[in-house]
Amino acid sequence: MEGIVALRQVFHDHMLDYIKKGQVEIILSEEKTLDDFYLSHHSVKKEKRGETRWRMVFDRSSLEAHEPSLNDALEMGLNLLVEILATLLRFRLYPLGIIGDTGQAFS
């Protein structure tokens, strides 16, 4: 039972973080409309060097009756992964580089 309590706390902390960052919002039952869309999600546990980390995984391919999934509704873009090497090499050309926070993207 202790593991379930810990998982509930991790889940609560992650959702609270998403709410604080404005990435998700709370909708009360009486405010629900047909235009609202909910992503199914689950937690993933990763153990590395004696440390346990949790992250939330959202299923963008989940379907609702007679509606497209989020993946189907989003535009396909270019694969930017091939540009990572070129971008990193360009950092060697100049004495200063500007970076951004990508902590949530690769954790």
PDB file of N, CA and C in Angstrom:
ATOM      1  N   MET A   1       0.812  -1.191   0.000  1.00  0.00           N
ATOM      2  CA  MET A   1       0.000   0.000   0.000  1.00  0.00           C
ATOM      3  C   MET A   1       0.861   1.264   0.000  1.00  0.00           C
ATOM      4  N   GLU A   2       2.053   1.167   0.565  1.00  0.00           N
ATOM      5  CA  GLU A   2       2.947   2.319   0.627  1.00  0.00           C
ATOM      6  C   GLU A   2       3.330   2.799  -0.770  1.00  0.00           C
ATOM      7  N   GLY A   3       3.530   1.861  -1.727  1.00  0.00           N
ATOM      8  CA  GLY A   3       3.883   2.224  -3.093  1.00  0.00           C
ATOM      9  C   GLY A   3       2.784   3.000  -3.786  1.00  0.00           C
ATOM     10  N   ILE A   4       1.526   2.646  -3.503  1.00  0.00           N
ATOM     11  CA  ILE A   4       0.397   3.342  -4.106  1.00  0.00           C
ATOM     12  C   ILE A   4       0.313   4.769  -3.580  1.00  0.00           C
ATOM     13  N   VAL A   5       0.545   4.941  -2.305  1.00  0.00           N
ATOM     14  CA  VAL A   5       0.523   6.282  -1.712  1.00  0.00           C
ATOM     15  C   VAL A   5       1.634   7.136  -2.315  1.00  0.00           C
ATOM     16  N   ALA A   6       2.823   6.565  -2.496  1.00  0.00           N
ATOM     17  CA  ALA A   6       3.938   7.298  -3.097  1.00  0.00           C
ATOM     18  C   ALA A   6       3.623   7.659  -4.544  1.00  0.00           C
ATOM     19  N   LEU A   7       3.039   6.725  -5.298  1.00  0.00           N
ATOM     20  CA  LEU A   7       2.678   6.989  -6.691  1.00  0.00           C
ATOM     21  C   LEU A   7       1.615   8.088  -6.763  1.00  0.00           C
ATOM     22  N   ARG A   8       0.645   8.054  -5.870  1.00  0.00           N
ATOM     23  CA  ARG A   8      -0.383   9.093  -5.843  1.00  0.00           C
ATOM     24  C   ARG A   8       0.241  10.466  -5.597  1.00  0.00           C
ATOM     25  N   GLN A   9       1.218  10.533  -4.707  1.00  0.00           N
ATOM     26  CA  GLN A   9       1.883  11.805  -4.412  1.00  0.00           C
ATOM     27  C   GLN A   9       2.686  12.294  -5.620  1.00  0.00           C
ATOM     28  N   VAL A  10       3.389  11.380  -6.292  1.00  0.00           N
ATOM     29  CA  VAL A  10       4.149  11.732  -7.495  1.00  0.00           C
ATOM     30  C   VAL A  10       3.201  12.252  -8.570  1.00  0.00           C
ATOM     31  N   PHE A  11       2.089  11.542  -8.762  1.00  0.00           N
ATOM     32  CA  PHE A  11       1.099  11.950  -9.756  1.00  0.00           C
ATOM     33  C   PHE A  11       0.550  13.337  -9.419  1.00  0.00           C
ATOM     34  N   HIS A  12       0.214  13.557  -8.157  1.00  0.00           N
ATOM     35  CA  HIS A  12      -0.307  14.847  -7.707  1.00  0.00           C
ATOM     36  C   HIS A  12       0.710  15.958  -7.959  1.00  0.00           C
ATOM     37  N   ASP A  13       1.965  15.708  -7.615  1.00  0.00           N
ATOM     38  CA  ASP A  13       3.022  16.719  -7.796  1.00  0.00           C
ATOM     39  C   ASP A  13       3.212  17.067  -9.270  1.00  0.00           C
ATOM     40  N   HIS A  14       3.209  16.043 -10.136  1.00  0.00           N
ATOM     41  CA  HIS A  14       3.381  16.304 -11.563  1.00  0.00           C
ATOM     42  C   HIS A  14       2.206  17.117 -12.119  1.00  0.00           C
ATOM     43  N   MET A  15       0.998  16.740 -11.762  1.00  0.00           N
ATOM     44  CA  MET A  15      -0.168  17.470 -12.263  1.00  0.00           C
ATOM     45  C   MET A  15      -0.184  18.907 -11.743  1.00  0.00           C
ATOM     46  N   LEU A  16       0.183  19.096 -10.497  1.00  0.00           N
ATOM     47  CA  LEU A  16       0.251  20.444  -9.935  1.00  0.00           C
ATOM     48  C   LEU A  16       1.280  21.289 -10.680  1.00  0.00           C
ATOM     49  N   ASP A  17       2.405  20.679 -11.042  1.00  0.00           N
ATOM     50  CA  ASP A  17       3.430  21.373 -11.812  1.00  0.00           C
ATOM     51  C   ASP A  17       2.895  21.786 -13.185  1.00  0.00           C
ATOM     52  N   TYR A  18       2.159  20.885 -13.859  1.00  0.00           N
ATOM     53  CA  TYR A  18       1.558  21.213 -15.154  1.00  0.00           C
ATOM     54  C   TYR A  18       0.553  22.357 -15.018  1.00  0.00           C
ATOM     55  N   ILE A  19      -0.217  22.350 -13.943  1.00  0.00           N
ATOM     56  CA  ILE A  19      -1.203  23.408 -13.715  1.00  0.00           C
ATOM     57  C   ILE A  19      -0.503  24.738 -13.478  1.00  0.00           C
ATOM     58  N   LYS A  20       0.545  24.753 -12.641  1.00  0.00           N
ATOM     59  CA  LYS A  20       1.278  25.989 -12.348  1.00  0.00           C
ATOM     60  C   LYS A  20       1.918  26.577 -13.598  1.00  0.00           C
ATOM     61  N   LYS A  21       2.400  25.706 -14.495  1.00  0.00           N
ATOM     62  CA  LYS A  21       3.031  26.174 -15.728  1.00  0.00           C
ATOM     63  C   LYS A  21       2.012  26.564 -16.798  1.00  0.00           C
ATOM     64  N   GLY A  22       0.723  26.310 -16.537  1.00  0.00           N
ATOM     65  CA  GLY A  22      -0.318  26.657 -17.501  1.00  0.00           C
ATOM     66  C   GLY A  22      -0.420  25.673 -18.649  1.00  0.00           C
ATOM     67  N   GLN A  23       0.146  24.474 -18.498  1.00  0.00           N
ATOM     68  CA  GLN A  23       0.108  23.485 -19.559  1.00  0.00           C
ATOM     69  C   GLN A  23      -1.192  22.683 -19.547  1.00  0.00           C
ATOM     70  N   VAL A  24      -1.848  22.607 -18.407  1.00  0.00           N
ATOM     71  CA  VAL A  24      -3.166  21.984 -18.279  1.00  0.00           C
ATOM     72  C   VAL A  24      -4.021  22.902 -17.409  1.00  0.00           C
ATOM     73  N   GLU A  25      -5.315  22.677 -17.431  1.00  0.00           N
ATOM     74  CA  GLU A  25      -6.197  23.465 -16.596  1.00  0.00           C
ATOM     75  C   GLU A  25      -7.260  22.564 -15.982  1.00  0.00           C
ATOM     76  N   ILE A  26      -7.766  23.001 -14.846  1.00  0.00           N
ATOM     77  CA  ILE A  26      -8.813  22.272 -14.152  1.00  0.00           C
ATOM     78  C   ILE A  26     -10.152  22.722 -14.702  1.00  0.00           C
ATOM     79  N   ILE A  27     -10.991  21.745 -15.059  1.00  0.00           N
ATOM     80  CA  ILE A  27     -12.341  22.041 -15.529  1.00  0.00           C
ATOM     81  C   ILE A  27     -13.311  21.354 -14.584  1.00  0.00           C
ATOM     82  N   LEU A  28     -14.193  22.127 -13.986  1.00  0.00           N
ATOM     83  CA  LEU A  28     -15.195  21.574 -13.085  1.00  0.00           C
ATOM     84  C   LEU A  28     -16.251  20.825 -13.889  1.00  0.00           C
ATOM     85  N   SER A  29     -16.893  19.856 -13.273  1.00  0.00           N
ATOM     86  CA  SER A  29     -17.885  19.017 -13.952  1.00  0.00           C
ATOM     87  C   SER A  29     -18.959  19.838 -14.651  1.00  0.00           C
ATOM     88  N   GLU A  30     -19.437  20.890 -13.993  1.00  0.00           N
ATOM     89  CA  GLU A  30     -20.521  21.684 -14.580  1.00  0.00           C
ATOM     90  C   GLU A  30     -20.041  22.569 -15.730  1.00  0.00           C
ATOM     91  N   GLU A  31     -18.745  22.697 -15.918  1.00  0.00           N
ATOM     92  CA  GLU A  31     -18.200  23.526 -16.998  1.00  0.00           C
ATOM     93  C   GLU A  31     -17.877  22.728 -18.256  1.00  0.00           C
ATOM     94  N   LYS A  32     -18.011  21.414 -18.215  1.00  0.00           N
ATOM     95  CA  LYS A  32     -17.649  20.574 -19.354  1.00  0.00           C
ATOM     96  C   LYS A  32     -18.554  20.846 -20.548  1.00  0.00           C
ATOM     97  N   THR A  33     -17.929  20.863 -21.733  1.00  0.00           N
ATOM     98  CA  THR A  33     -18.673  21.031 -22.978  1.00  0.00           C
ATOM     99  C   THR A  33     -18.279  19.918 -23.932  1.00  0.00           C
ATOM    100  N   LEU A  34     -18.955  19.843 -25.053  1.00  0.00           N
ATOM    101  CA  LEU A  34     -18.621  18.836 -26.054  1.00  0.00           C
ATOM    102  C   LEU A  34     -17.293  19.142 -26.732  1.00  0.00           C
ATOM    103  N   ASP A  35     -16.816  20.378 -26.615  1.00  0.00           N
ATOM    104  CA  ASP A  35     -15.550  20.759 -27.236  1.00  0.00           C
ATOM    105  C   ASP A  35     -14.340  20.377 -26.394  1.00  0.00           C
ATOM    106  N   ASP A  36     -14.549  19.974 -25.137  1.00  0.00           N
ATOM    107  CA  ASP A  36     -13.433  19.583 -24.275  1.00  0.00           C
ATOM    108  C   ASP A  36     -12.830  18.268 -24.751  1.00  0.00           C
ATOM    109  N   PHE A  37     -11.514  18.171 -24.630  1.00  0.00           N
ATOM    110  CA  PHE A  37     -10.821  16.946 -25.038  1.00  0.00           C
ATOM    111  C   PHE A  37      -9.869  16.541 -23.933  1.00  0.00           C
ATOM    112  N   TYR A  38      -9.832  15.273 -23.622  1.00  0.00           N
ATOM    113  CA  TYR A  38      -9.001  14.767 -22.544  1.00  0.00           C
ATOM    114  C   TYR A  38      -8.013  13.754 -23.092  1.00  0.00           C
ATOM    115  N   LEU A  39      -6.758  13.902 -22.722  1.00  0.00           N
ATOM    116  CA  LEU A  39      -5.730  12.941 -23.128  1.00  0.00           C
ATOM    117  C   LEU A  39      -5.571  11.886 -22.051  1.00  0.00           C
ATOM    118  N   SER A  40      -5.585  10.625 -22.460  1.00  0.00           N
ATOM    119  CA  SER A  40      -5.278   9.590 -21.474  1.00  0.00           C
ATOM    120  C   SER A  40      -3.784   9.673 -21.158  1.00  0.00           C
ATOM    121  N   HIS A  41      -3.412   9.281 -19.958  1.00  0.00           N
ATOM    122  CA  HIS A  41      -2.029   9.403 -19.524  1.00  0.00           C
ATOM    123  C   HIS A  41      -1.727   8.367 -18.464  1.00  0.00           C
ATOM    124  N   HIS A  42      -0.453   8.125 -18.283  1.00  0.00           N
ATOM    125  CA  HIS A  42       0.008   7.208 -17.242  1.00  0.00           C
ATOM    126  C   HIS A  42       1.412   7.630 -16.812  1.00  0.00           C
ATOM    127  N   SER A  43       1.861   7.065 -15.714  1.00  0.00           N
ATOM    128  CA  SER A  43       3.194   7.411 -15.217  1.00  0.00           C
ATOM    129  C   SER A  43       4.188   6.324 -15.610  1.00  0.00           C
ATOM    130  N   VAL A  44       5.430   6.739 -15.785  1.00  0.00           N
ATOM    131  CA  VAL A  44       6.512   5.814 -16.116  1.00  0.00           C
ATOM    132  C   VAL A  44       7.603   5.991 -15.074  1.00  0.00           C
ATOM    133  N   LYS A  45       8.053   4.879 -14.528  1.00  0.00           N
ATOM    134  CA  LYS A  45       9.081   4.880 -13.494  1.00  0.00           C
ATOM    135  C   LYS A  45      10.423   4.496 -14.119  1.00  0.00           C
ATOM    136  N   LYS A  46      11.458   5.259 -13.797  1.00  0.00           N
ATOM    137  CA  LYS A  46      12.795   4.974 -14.324  1.00  0.00           C
ATOM    138  C   LYS A  46      13.782   4.990 -13.171  1.00  0.00           C
ATOM    139  N   GLU A  47      14.488   3.893 -13.002  1.00  0.00           N
ATOM    140  CA  GLU A  47      15.493   3.813 -11.938  1.00  0.00           C
ATOM    141  C   GLU A  47      16.875   3.852 -12.563  1.00  0.00           C
ATOM    142  N   LYS A  48      17.699   4.759 -12.059  1.00  0.00           N
ATOM    143  CA  LYS A  48      19.045   4.925 -12.592  1.00  0.00           C
ATOM    144  C   LYS A  48      19.969   5.332 -11.454  1.00  0.00           C
ATOM    145  N   ARG A  49      21.034   4.605 -11.275  1.00  0.00           N
ATOM    146  CA  ARG A  49      22.032   4.883 -10.235  1.00  0.00           C
ATOM    147  C   ARG A  49      21.399   5.028  -8.851  1.00  0.00           C
ATOM    148  N   GLY A  50      20.462   4.177  -8.538  1.00  0.00           N
ATOM    149  CA  GLY A  50      19.835   4.201  -7.225  1.00  0.00           C
ATOM    150  C   GLY A  50      18.796   5.283  -7.035  1.00  0.00           C
ATOM    151  N   GLU A  51      18.552   6.078  -8.068  1.00  0.00           N
ATOM    152  CA  GLU A  51      17.574   7.159  -7.988  1.00  0.00           C
ATOM    153  C   GLU A  51      16.354   6.783  -8.821  1.00  0.00           C
ATOM    154  N   THR A  52      15.183   7.018  -8.284  1.00  0.00           N
ATOM    155  CA  THR A  52      13.940   6.728  -8.997  1.00  0.00           C
ATOM    156  C   THR A  52      13.335   8.032  -9.482  1.00  0.00           C
ATOM    157  N   ARG A  53      13.049   8.082 -10.778  1.00  0.00           N
ATOM    158  CA  ARG A  53      12.416   9.265 -11.364  1.00  0.00           C
ATOM    159  C   ARG A  53      11.121   8.828 -12.025  1.00  0.00           C
ATOM    160  N   TRP A  54      10.125   9.679 -11.932  1.00  0.00           N
ATOM    161  CA  TRP A  54       8.826   9.437 -12.543  1.00  0.00           C
ATOM    162  C   TRP A  54       8.566  10.515 -13.586  1.00  0.00           C
ATOM    163  N   ARG A  55       7.834  10.152 -14.619  1.00  0.00           N
ATOM    164  CA  ARG A  55       7.386  11.142 -15.590  1.00  0.00           C
ATOM    165  C   ARG A  55       6.003  10.745 -16.087  1.00  0.00           C
ATOM    166  N   MET A  56       5.274  11.726 -16.551  1.00  0.00           N
ATOM    167  CA  MET A  56       3.936  11.481 -17.080  1.00  0.00           C
ATOM    168  C   MET A  56       4.040  11.320 -18.592  1.00  0.00           C
ATOM    169  N   VAL A  57       3.316  10.344 -19.125  1.00  0.00           N
ATOM    170  CA  VAL A  57       3.283  10.102 -20.561  1.00  0.00           C
ATOM    171  C   VAL A  57       1.837  10.270 -21.025  1.00  0.00           C
ATOM    172  N   PHE A  58       1.629  11.155 -21.983  1.00  0.00           N
ATOM    173  CA  PHE A  58       0.299  11.412 -22.515  1.00  0.00           C
ATOM    174  C   PHE A  58       0.146  10.675 -23.841  1.00  0.00           C
ATOM    175  N   ASP A  59      -0.998  10.009 -24.027  1.00  0.00           N
ATOM    176  CA  ASP A  59      -1.270   9.211 -25.217  1.00  0.00           C
ATOM    177  C   ASP A  59      -1.986  10.078 -26.250  1.00  0.00           C
ATOM    178  N   ARG A  60      -1.207  10.672 -27.143  1.00  0.00           N
ATOM    179  CA  ARG A  60      -1.795  11.565 -28.146  1.00  0.00           C
ATOM    180  C   ARG A  60      -2.508  10.810 -29.244  1.00  0.00           C
ATOM    181  N   SER A  61      -2.358   9.492 -29.303  1.00  0.00           N
ATOM    182  CA  SER A  61      -3.021   8.724 -30.349  1.00  0.00           C
ATOM    183  C   SER A  61      -4.339   8.132 -29.869  1.00  0.00           C
ATOM    184  N   SER A  62      -4.744   8.415 -28.625  1.00  0.00           N
ATOM    185  CA  SER A  62      -6.004   7.878 -28.118  1.00  0.00           C
ATOM    186  C   SER A  62      -7.175   8.509 -28.873  1.00  0.00           C
ATOM    187  N   LEU A  63      -8.203   7.717 -29.081  1.00  0.00           N
ATOM    188  CA  LEU A  63      -9.342   8.153 -29.882  1.00  0.00           C
ATOM    189  C   LEU A  63     -10.592   8.296 -29.032  1.00  0.00           C
ATOM    190  N   GLU A  64     -11.454   9.221 -29.432  1.00  0.00           N
ATOM    191  CA  GLU A  64     -12.799   9.314 -28.894  1.00  0.00           C
ATOM    192  C   GLU A  64     -13.741   8.946 -30.021  1.00  0.00           C
ATOM    193  N   ALA A  65     -14.947   8.542 -29.684  1.00  0.00           N
ATOM    194  CA  ALA A  65     -15.895   8.080 -30.689  1.00  0.00           C
ATOM    195  C   ALA A  65     -16.097   9.106 -31.801  1.00  0.00           C
ATOM    196  N   HIS A  66     -15.853   8.699 -33.038  1.00  0.00           N
ATOM    197  CA  HIS A  66     -16.086   9.512 -34.233  1.00  0.00           C
ATOM    198  C   HIS A  66     -15.281  10.805 -34.258  1.00  0.00           C
ATOM    199  N   GLU A  67     -14.158  10.845 -33.565  1.00  0.00           N
ATOM    200  CA  GLU A  67     -13.304  12.030 -33.534  1.00  0.00           C
ATOM    201  C   GLU A  67     -11.868  11.624 -33.840  1.00  0.00           C
ATOM    202  N   PRO A  68     -11.084  12.508 -34.480  1.00  0.00           N
ATOM    203  CA  PRO A  68      -9.671  12.180 -34.720  1.00  0.00           C
ATOM    204  C   PRO A  68      -8.862  12.281 -33.427  1.00  0.00           C
ATOM    205  N   SER A  69      -7.745  11.590 -33.405  1.00  0.00           N
ATOM    206  CA  SER A  69      -6.842  11.708 -32.255  1.00  0.00           C
ATOM    207  C   SER A  69      -6.092  13.035 -32.355  1.00  0.00           C
ATOM    208  N   LEU A  70      -5.390  13.402 -31.286  1.00  0.00           N
ATOM    209  CA  LEU A  70      -4.599  14.634 -31.315  1.00  0.00           C
ATOM    210  C   LEU A  70      -3.503  14.527 -32.370  1.00  0.00           C
ATOM    211  N   ASN A  71      -2.879  13.353 -32.494  1.00  0.00           N
ATOM    212  CA  ASN A  71      -1.855  13.153 -33.528  1.00  0.00           C
ATOM    213  C   ASN A  71      -2.425  13.377 -34.922  1.00  0.00           C
ATOM    214  N   ASP A  72      -3.676  12.927 -35.152  1.00  0.00           N
ATOM    215  CA  ASP A  72      -4.298  13.113 -36.462  1.00  0.00           C
ATOM    216  C   ASP A  72      -4.602  14.584 -36.738  1.00  0.00           C
ATOM    217  N   ALA A  73      -4.897  15.357 -35.682  1.00  0.00           N
ATOM    218  CA  ALA A  73      -5.289  16.751 -35.847  1.00  0.00           C
ATOM    219  C   ALA A  73      -4.087  17.686 -35.995  1.00  0.00           C
ATOM    220  N   LEU A  74      -2.918  17.276 -35.505  1.00  0.00           N
ATOM    221  CA  LEU A  74      -1.741  18.133 -35.572  1.00  0.00           C
ATOM    222  C   LEU A  74      -1.073  18.038 -36.934  1.00  0.00           C
ATOM    223  N   GLU A  75      -0.502  19.126 -37.372  1.00  0.00           N
ATOM    224  CA  GLU A  75       0.211  19.141 -38.643  1.00  0.00           C
ATOM    225  C   GLU A  75       1.530  18.391 -38.523  1.00  0.00           C
ATOM    226  N   MET A  76       1.870  17.663 -39.547  1.00  0.00           N
ATOM    227  CA  MET A  76       3.164  16.991 -39.571  1.00  0.00           C
ATOM    228  C   MET A  76       4.218  18.029 -39.936  1.00  0.00           C
ATOM    229  N   GLY A  77       5.330  17.971 -39.257  1.00  0.00           N
ATOM    230  CA  GLY A  77       6.412  18.903 -39.532  1.00  0.00           C
ATOM    231  C   GLY A  77       7.661  18.167 -39.962  1.00  0.00           C
ATOM    232  N   LEU A  78       8.693  18.913 -40.142  1.00  0.00           N
ATOM    233  CA  LEU A  78       9.968  18.328 -40.518  1.00  0.00           C
ATOM    234  C   LEU A  78      10.569  17.582 -39.332  1.00  0.00           C
ATOM    235  N   ASN A  79      11.355  16.569 -39.615  1.00  0.00           N
ATOM    236  CA  ASN A  79      12.085  15.866 -38.566  1.00  0.00           C
ATOM    237  C   ASN A  79      13.305  16.711 -38.214  1.00  0.00           C
ATOM    238  N   LEU A  80      13.260  17.348 -37.054  1.00  0.00           N
ATOM    239  CA  LEU A  80      14.332  18.255 -36.657  1.00  0.00           C
ATOM    240  C   LEU A  80      15.480  17.540 -35.965  1.00  0.00           C
ATOM    241  N   LEU A  81      15.356  16.250 -35.716  1.00  0.00           N
ATOM    242  CA  LEU A  81      16.428  15.526 -35.038  1.00  0.00           C
ATOM    243  C   LEU A  81      17.714  15.507 -35.849  1.00  0.00           C
ATOM    244  N   VAL A  82      17.597  15.477 -37.153  1.00  0.00           N
ATOM    245  CA  VAL A  82      18.805  15.453 -37.981  1.00  0.00           C
ATOM    246  C   VAL A  82      19.567  16.771 -37.884  1.00  0.00           C
ATOM    247  N   GLU A  83      18.907  17.837 -37.466  1.00  0.00           N
ATOM    248  CA  GLU A  83      19.540  19.147 -37.360  1.00  0.00           C
ATOM    249  C   GLU A  83      20.299  19.336 -36.047  1.00  0.00           C
ATOM    250  N   ILE A  84      20.148  18.419 -35.115  1.00  0.00           N
ATOM    251  CA  ILE A  84      20.792  18.590 -33.810  1.00  0.00           C
ATOM    252  C   ILE A  84      22.306  18.631 -33.932  1.00  0.00           C
ATOM    253  N   LEU A  85      22.894  17.732 -34.691  1.00  0.00           N
ATOM    254  CA  LEU A  85      24.343  17.706 -34.854  1.00  0.00           C
ATOM    255  C   LEU A  85      24.841  19.011 -35.470  1.00  0.00           C
ATOM    256  N   ALA A  86      24.163  19.461 -36.515  1.00  0.00           N
ATOM    257  CA  ALA A  86      24.572  20.711 -37.161  1.00  0.00           C
ATOM    258  C   ALA A  86      24.454  21.886 -36.193  1.00  0.00           C
ATOM    259  N   THR A  87      23.410  21.897 -35.390  1.00  0.00           N
ATOM    260  CA  THR A  87      23.223  22.969 -34.409  1.00  0.00           C
ATOM    261  C   THR A  87      24.334  22.953 -33.372  1.00  0.00           C
ATOM    262  N   LEU A  88      24.662  21.781 -32.873  1.00  0.00           N
ATOM    263  CA  LEU A  88      25.730  21.674 -31.884  1.00  0.00           C
ATOM    264  C   LEU A  88      27.076  22.096 -32.469  1.00  0.00           C
ATOM    265  N   LEU A  89      27.325  21.748 -33.701  1.00  0.00           N
ATOM    266  CA  LEU A  89      28.588  22.147 -34.328  1.00  0.00           C
ATOM    267  C   LEU A  89      28.652  23.662 -34.540  1.00  0.00           C
ATOM    268  N   ARG A  90      27.517  24.288 -34.820  1.00  0.00           N
ATOM    269  CA  ARG A  90      27.509  25.750 -34.992  1.00  0.00           C
ATOM    270  C   ARG A  90      27.857  26.467 -33.689  1.00  0.00           C
ATOM    271  N   PHE A  91      27.615  25.850 -32.541  1.00  0.00           N
ATOM    272  CA  PHE A  91      27.977  26.471 -31.270  1.00  0.00           C
ATOM    273  C   PHE A  91      29.485  26.660 -31.157  1.00  0.00           C
ATOM    274  N   ARG A  92      30.254  25.899 -31.904  1.00  0.00           N
ATOM    275  CA  ARG A  92      31.718  26.020 -31.848  1.00  0.00           C
ATOM    276  C   ARG A  92      32.233  27.190 -32.677  1.00  0.00           C
ATOM    277  N   LEU A  93      31.374  27.772 -33.500  1.00  0.00           N
ATOM    278  CA  LEU A  93      31.806  28.856 -34.384  1.00  0.00           C
ATOM    279  C   LEU A  93      31.908  30.203 -33.677  1.00  0.00           C
ATOM    280  N   TYR A  94      31.176  30.390 -32.600  1.00  0.00           N
ATOM    281  CA  TYR A  94      31.085  31.693 -31.948  1.00  0.00           C
ATOM    282  C   TYR A  94      31.436  31.557 -30.464  1.00  0.00           C
ATOM    283  N   PRO A  95      31.900  32.630 -29.853  1.00  0.00           N
ATOM    284  CA  PRO A  95      32.281  32.545 -28.436  1.00  0.00           C
ATOM    285  C   PRO A  95      31.085  32.475 -27.482  1.00  0.00           C
ATOM    286  N   LEU A  96      29.899  32.920 -27.924  1.00  0.00           N
ATOM    287  CA  LEU A  96      28.707  32.894 -27.078  1.00  0.00           C
ATOM    288  C   LEU A  96      27.588  32.126 -27.764  1.00  0.00           C
ATOM    289  N   GLY A  97      26.782  31.477 -26.955  1.00  0.00           N
ATOM    290  CA  GLY A  97      25.615  30.788 -27.482  1.00  0.00           C
ATOM    291  C   GLY A  97      24.402  31.092 -26.624  1.00  0.00           C
ATOM    292  N   ILE A  98      23.231  31.087 -27.231  1.00  0.00           N
ATOM    293  CA  ILE A  98      21.989  31.322 -26.507  1.00  0.00           C
ATOM    294  C   ILE A  98      21.255  30.000 -26.448  1.00  0.00           C
ATOM    295  N   ILE A  99      20.818  29.639 -25.244  1.00  0.00           N
ATOM    296  CA  ILE A  99      20.125  28.375 -25.079  1.00  0.00           C
ATOM    297  C   ILE A  99      18.785  28.601 -24.392  1.00  0.00           C
ATOM    298  N   GLY A 100      17.948  27.569 -24.390  1.00  0.00           N
ATOM    299  CA  GLY A 100      16.648  27.624 -23.728  1.00  0.00           C
ATOM    300  C   GLY A 100      16.477  26.413 -22.824  1.00  0.00           C
ATOM    301  N   ASP A 101      15.450  26.433 -22.025  1.00  0.00           N
ATOM    302  CA  ASP A 101      15.168  25.340 -21.092  1.00  0.00           C
ATOM    303  C   ASP A 101      14.401  24.238 -21.802  1.00  0.00           C
ATOM    304  N   THR A 102      15.028  23.101 -21.984  1.00  0.00           N
ATOM    305  CA  THR A 102      14.378  21.944 -22.607  1.00  0.00           C
ATOM    306  C   THR A 102      14.223  20.810 -21.613  1.00  0.00           C
ATOM    307  N   GLY A 103      14.177  21.142 -20.326  1.00  0.00           N
ATOM    308  CA  GLY A 103      14.116  20.128 -19.268  1.00  0.00           C
ATOM    309  C   GLY A 103      12.948  19.189 -19.400  1.00  0.00           C
ATOM    310  N   GLN A 104      11.769  19.690 -19.767  1.00  0.00           N
ATOM    311  CA  GLN A 104      10.598  18.831 -19.877  1.00  0.00           C
ATOM    312  C   GLN A 104      10.615  17.996 -21.155  1.00  0.00           C
ATOM    313  N   ALA A 105      11.333  18.446 -22.154  1.00  0.00           N
ATOM    314  CA  ALA A 105      11.327  17.749 -23.442  1.00  0.00           C
ATOM    315  C   ALA A 105      12.064  16.425 -23.402  1.00  0.00           C
ATOM    316  N   PHE A 106      13.119  16.316 -22.621  1.00  0.00           N
ATOM    317  CA  PHE A 106      13.952  15.127 -22.682  1.00  0.00           C
ATOM    318  C   PHE A 106      14.099  14.415 -21.337  1.00  0.00           C
ATOM    319  N   SER A 107      13.276  14.747 -20.356  1.00  0.00           N
ATOM    320  CA  SER A 107      13.417  14.096 -19.043  1.00  0.00           C
ATOM    321  C   SER A 107      12.681  12.782 -18.986  1.00  0.00           C
TER     322      SER A 107
END
